[in-house]
N, C-alpha and C. Protein backbone atom coordinates (compact mmCIF):
# COMPACT_ATOMS: atom_id res chain seq x y z
N MET A 1 107.75 137.38 88.35
CA MET A 1 108.02 136.75 89.70
C MET A 1 107.04 135.47 89.74
N CYS A 2 105.82 135.80 89.44
CA CYS A 2 104.78 134.74 89.61
C CYS A 2 105.10 133.63 88.57
N LEU A 3 105.52 133.93 87.42
CA LEU A 3 105.81 132.90 86.44
C LEU A 3 107.04 132.10 86.84
N ILE A 4 107.95 132.62 87.46
CA ILE A 4 109.17 131.91 87.92
C ILE A 4 108.70 130.89 89.04
N LEU A 5 108.00 131.39 90.02
CA LEU A 5 107.50 130.52 91.08
C LEU A 5 106.61 129.39 90.63
N SER A 6 105.72 129.64 89.70
CA SER A 6 104.85 128.63 89.23
C SER A 6 105.71 127.57 88.45
N SER A 7 106.72 127.97 87.66
CA SER A 7 107.54 127.10 86.91
C SER A 7 108.29 126.16 87.85
N ILE A 8 108.79 126.73 88.99
CA ILE A 8 109.57 125.92 89.96
C ILE A 8 108.60 124.90 90.56
N PHE A 9 107.46 125.23 90.93
CA PHE A 9 106.49 124.27 91.50
C PHE A 9 106.10 123.19 90.49
N LEU A 10 105.91 123.52 89.25
CA LEU A 10 105.55 122.53 88.26
C LEU A 10 106.69 121.59 87.95
N LEU A 11 107.94 122.06 87.91
CA LEU A 11 109.06 121.20 87.65
C LEU A 11 109.36 120.21 88.79
N GLN A 12 109.08 120.64 90.03
CA GLN A 12 109.36 119.81 91.17
C GLN A 12 108.37 118.69 91.27
N SER A 13 107.20 118.91 90.67
CA SER A 13 106.17 117.83 90.81
C SER A 13 106.20 116.83 89.63
N CYS A 14 107.12 116.96 88.73
CA CYS A 14 107.20 116.05 87.55
C CYS A 14 107.95 114.75 87.93
N LYS A 15 107.50 113.71 87.39
CA LYS A 15 108.13 112.39 87.60
C LYS A 15 108.37 111.78 86.23
N ILE A 16 109.73 111.44 85.93
CA ILE A 16 110.03 110.97 84.60
C ILE A 16 110.25 109.44 84.72
N TYR A 17 109.62 108.73 83.86
CA TYR A 17 109.86 107.22 83.75
C TYR A 17 110.43 106.99 82.40
N ARG A 18 111.50 106.28 82.39
CA ARG A 18 112.16 105.95 81.10
C ARG A 18 111.41 104.75 80.46
N LYS A 19 111.30 104.67 79.19
CA LYS A 19 110.68 103.61 78.43
C LYS A 19 111.44 102.26 78.42
N LYS A 20 112.67 102.35 78.84
CA LYS A 20 113.54 101.21 78.79
C LYS A 20 113.03 100.05 79.72
N THR A 21 112.93 98.87 79.13
CA THR A 21 112.54 97.76 80.05
C THR A 21 113.80 97.29 80.82
N ALA A 22 113.57 96.72 81.89
CA ALA A 22 114.71 96.30 82.79
C ALA A 22 114.38 95.09 83.48
N THR A 23 115.38 94.30 83.94
CA THR A 23 115.17 93.17 84.73
C THR A 23 114.94 93.64 86.22
N ASN A 24 114.53 92.70 87.03
CA ASN A 24 114.30 92.99 88.42
C ASN A 24 115.57 93.54 89.14
N ASP A 25 116.70 92.88 88.84
CA ASP A 25 117.96 93.33 89.40
C ASP A 25 118.42 94.69 88.94
N GLU A 26 118.18 94.99 87.72
CA GLU A 26 118.45 96.28 87.18
C GLU A 26 117.59 97.37 87.86
N ALA A 27 116.35 97.09 88.03
CA ALA A 27 115.42 97.99 88.72
C ALA A 27 115.87 98.32 90.19
N VAL A 28 116.39 97.25 90.86
CA VAL A 28 116.89 97.45 92.17
C VAL A 28 118.07 98.37 92.16
N GLU A 29 119.00 98.16 91.24
CA GLU A 29 120.20 98.97 91.15
C GLU A 29 119.97 100.38 90.77
N PHE A 30 118.91 100.59 89.87
CA PHE A 30 118.54 101.88 89.37
C PHE A 30 118.21 102.89 90.49
N ASP A 31 117.49 102.39 91.54
CA ASP A 31 117.23 103.20 92.75
C ASP A 31 116.45 104.44 92.36
N ARG A 32 115.52 104.41 91.52
CA ARG A 32 114.62 105.47 91.09
C ARG A 32 113.23 105.05 90.88
N GLY A 33 112.37 105.90 90.37
CA GLY A 33 110.99 105.52 90.10
C GLY A 33 110.90 104.43 89.14
N VAL A 34 110.02 103.47 89.50
CA VAL A 34 109.84 102.24 88.63
C VAL A 34 108.34 102.18 88.33
N LYS A 35 108.08 101.92 87.05
CA LYS A 35 106.68 101.72 86.64
C LYS A 35 106.53 100.26 86.08
N VAL A 36 105.58 99.57 86.66
CA VAL A 36 105.32 98.15 86.29
C VAL A 36 104.02 98.09 85.64
N ILE A 37 104.03 97.38 84.39
CA ILE A 37 102.83 97.14 83.74
C ILE A 37 102.67 95.60 83.67
N THR A 38 101.61 95.06 84.22
CA THR A 38 101.36 93.67 84.35
C THR A 38 100.86 93.08 82.93
N GLN A 39 100.82 91.83 82.84
CA GLN A 39 100.30 91.15 81.62
C GLN A 39 98.91 91.56 81.28
N ASP A 40 98.05 91.84 82.29
CA ASP A 40 96.67 92.17 82.06
C ASP A 40 96.49 93.78 82.03
N ASP A 41 97.63 94.44 81.68
CA ASP A 41 97.62 95.93 81.52
C ASP A 41 97.27 96.78 82.71
N LYS A 42 97.57 96.28 83.94
CA LYS A 42 97.45 97.10 85.13
C LYS A 42 98.77 97.83 85.40
N THR A 43 98.75 99.09 85.76
CA THR A 43 99.95 99.85 85.99
C THR A 43 100.16 100.14 87.37
N TYR A 44 101.31 99.95 87.90
CA TYR A 44 101.73 100.23 89.31
C TYR A 44 102.96 101.07 89.24
N LYS A 45 102.99 102.15 90.13
CA LYS A 45 104.18 103.11 90.12
C LYS A 45 104.81 102.88 91.49
N PHE A 46 106.10 102.76 91.55
CA PHE A 46 106.87 102.64 92.78
C PHE A 46 107.96 103.66 92.89
N LYS A 47 108.32 104.07 94.11
CA LYS A 47 109.42 105.04 94.29
C LYS A 47 110.72 104.36 93.88
N ARG A 48 110.79 103.09 94.34
CA ARG A 48 111.94 102.27 94.03
C ARG A 48 111.76 100.85 94.46
N PHE A 49 112.56 99.97 94.03
CA PHE A 49 112.48 98.50 94.38
C PHE A 49 113.64 98.22 95.35
N ILE A 50 113.45 97.39 96.32
CA ILE A 50 114.50 96.82 97.19
C ILE A 50 114.35 95.32 97.17
N LYS A 51 115.50 94.62 97.42
CA LYS A 51 115.52 93.15 97.42
C LYS A 51 116.11 92.79 98.81
N GLU A 52 115.29 92.00 99.61
CA GLU A 52 115.69 91.51 100.92
C GLU A 52 115.47 90.01 100.93
N ASP A 53 116.44 89.27 101.34
CA ASP A 53 116.35 87.82 101.44
C ASP A 53 115.80 87.17 100.18
N GLY A 54 116.15 87.62 99.05
CA GLY A 54 115.69 87.06 97.71
C GLY A 54 114.32 87.45 97.43
N GLN A 55 113.60 88.28 98.18
CA GLN A 55 112.31 88.76 97.79
C GLN A 55 112.37 90.21 97.36
N LEU A 56 111.54 90.61 96.42
CA LEU A 56 111.49 91.93 95.74
C LEU A 56 110.31 92.67 96.38
N PHE A 57 110.62 93.86 96.76
CA PHE A 57 109.59 94.77 97.38
C PHE A 57 109.59 96.10 96.67
N GLY A 58 108.43 96.65 96.33
CA GLY A 58 108.27 97.96 95.76
C GLY A 58 107.82 98.94 96.83
N LEU A 59 108.56 100.04 96.96
CA LEU A 59 108.18 101.10 97.90
C LEU A 59 107.40 102.15 97.22
N THR A 60 106.22 102.51 97.84
CA THR A 60 105.38 103.61 97.36
C THR A 60 105.30 104.74 98.37
N LYS A 61 104.75 105.83 97.89
CA LYS A 61 104.44 106.94 98.82
C LYS A 61 103.18 106.59 99.60
N LYS A 62 103.21 107.06 100.87
CA LYS A 62 102.02 106.73 101.67
C LYS A 62 100.96 107.83 101.44
N LYS A 63 99.77 107.41 101.05
CA LYS A 63 98.79 108.34 100.75
C LYS A 63 97.95 108.67 102.01
N LEU A 64 97.74 109.90 102.28
CA LEU A 64 96.97 110.28 103.56
C LEU A 64 95.58 110.53 103.11
């Protein structure tokens, strides 16, 4: 019983990012987790991208 419950908790906390590179428009359409790596190797993780009035926004979880 304990093993089943711990497996469920572990699987729910996993986040999968695909290695495929995408354009900004593809990332907006994908509507899932997006990982951005900048040219100076900084990594940013977003829940999803949205585009409003031609501007691109990345949504993140609010940290408490």
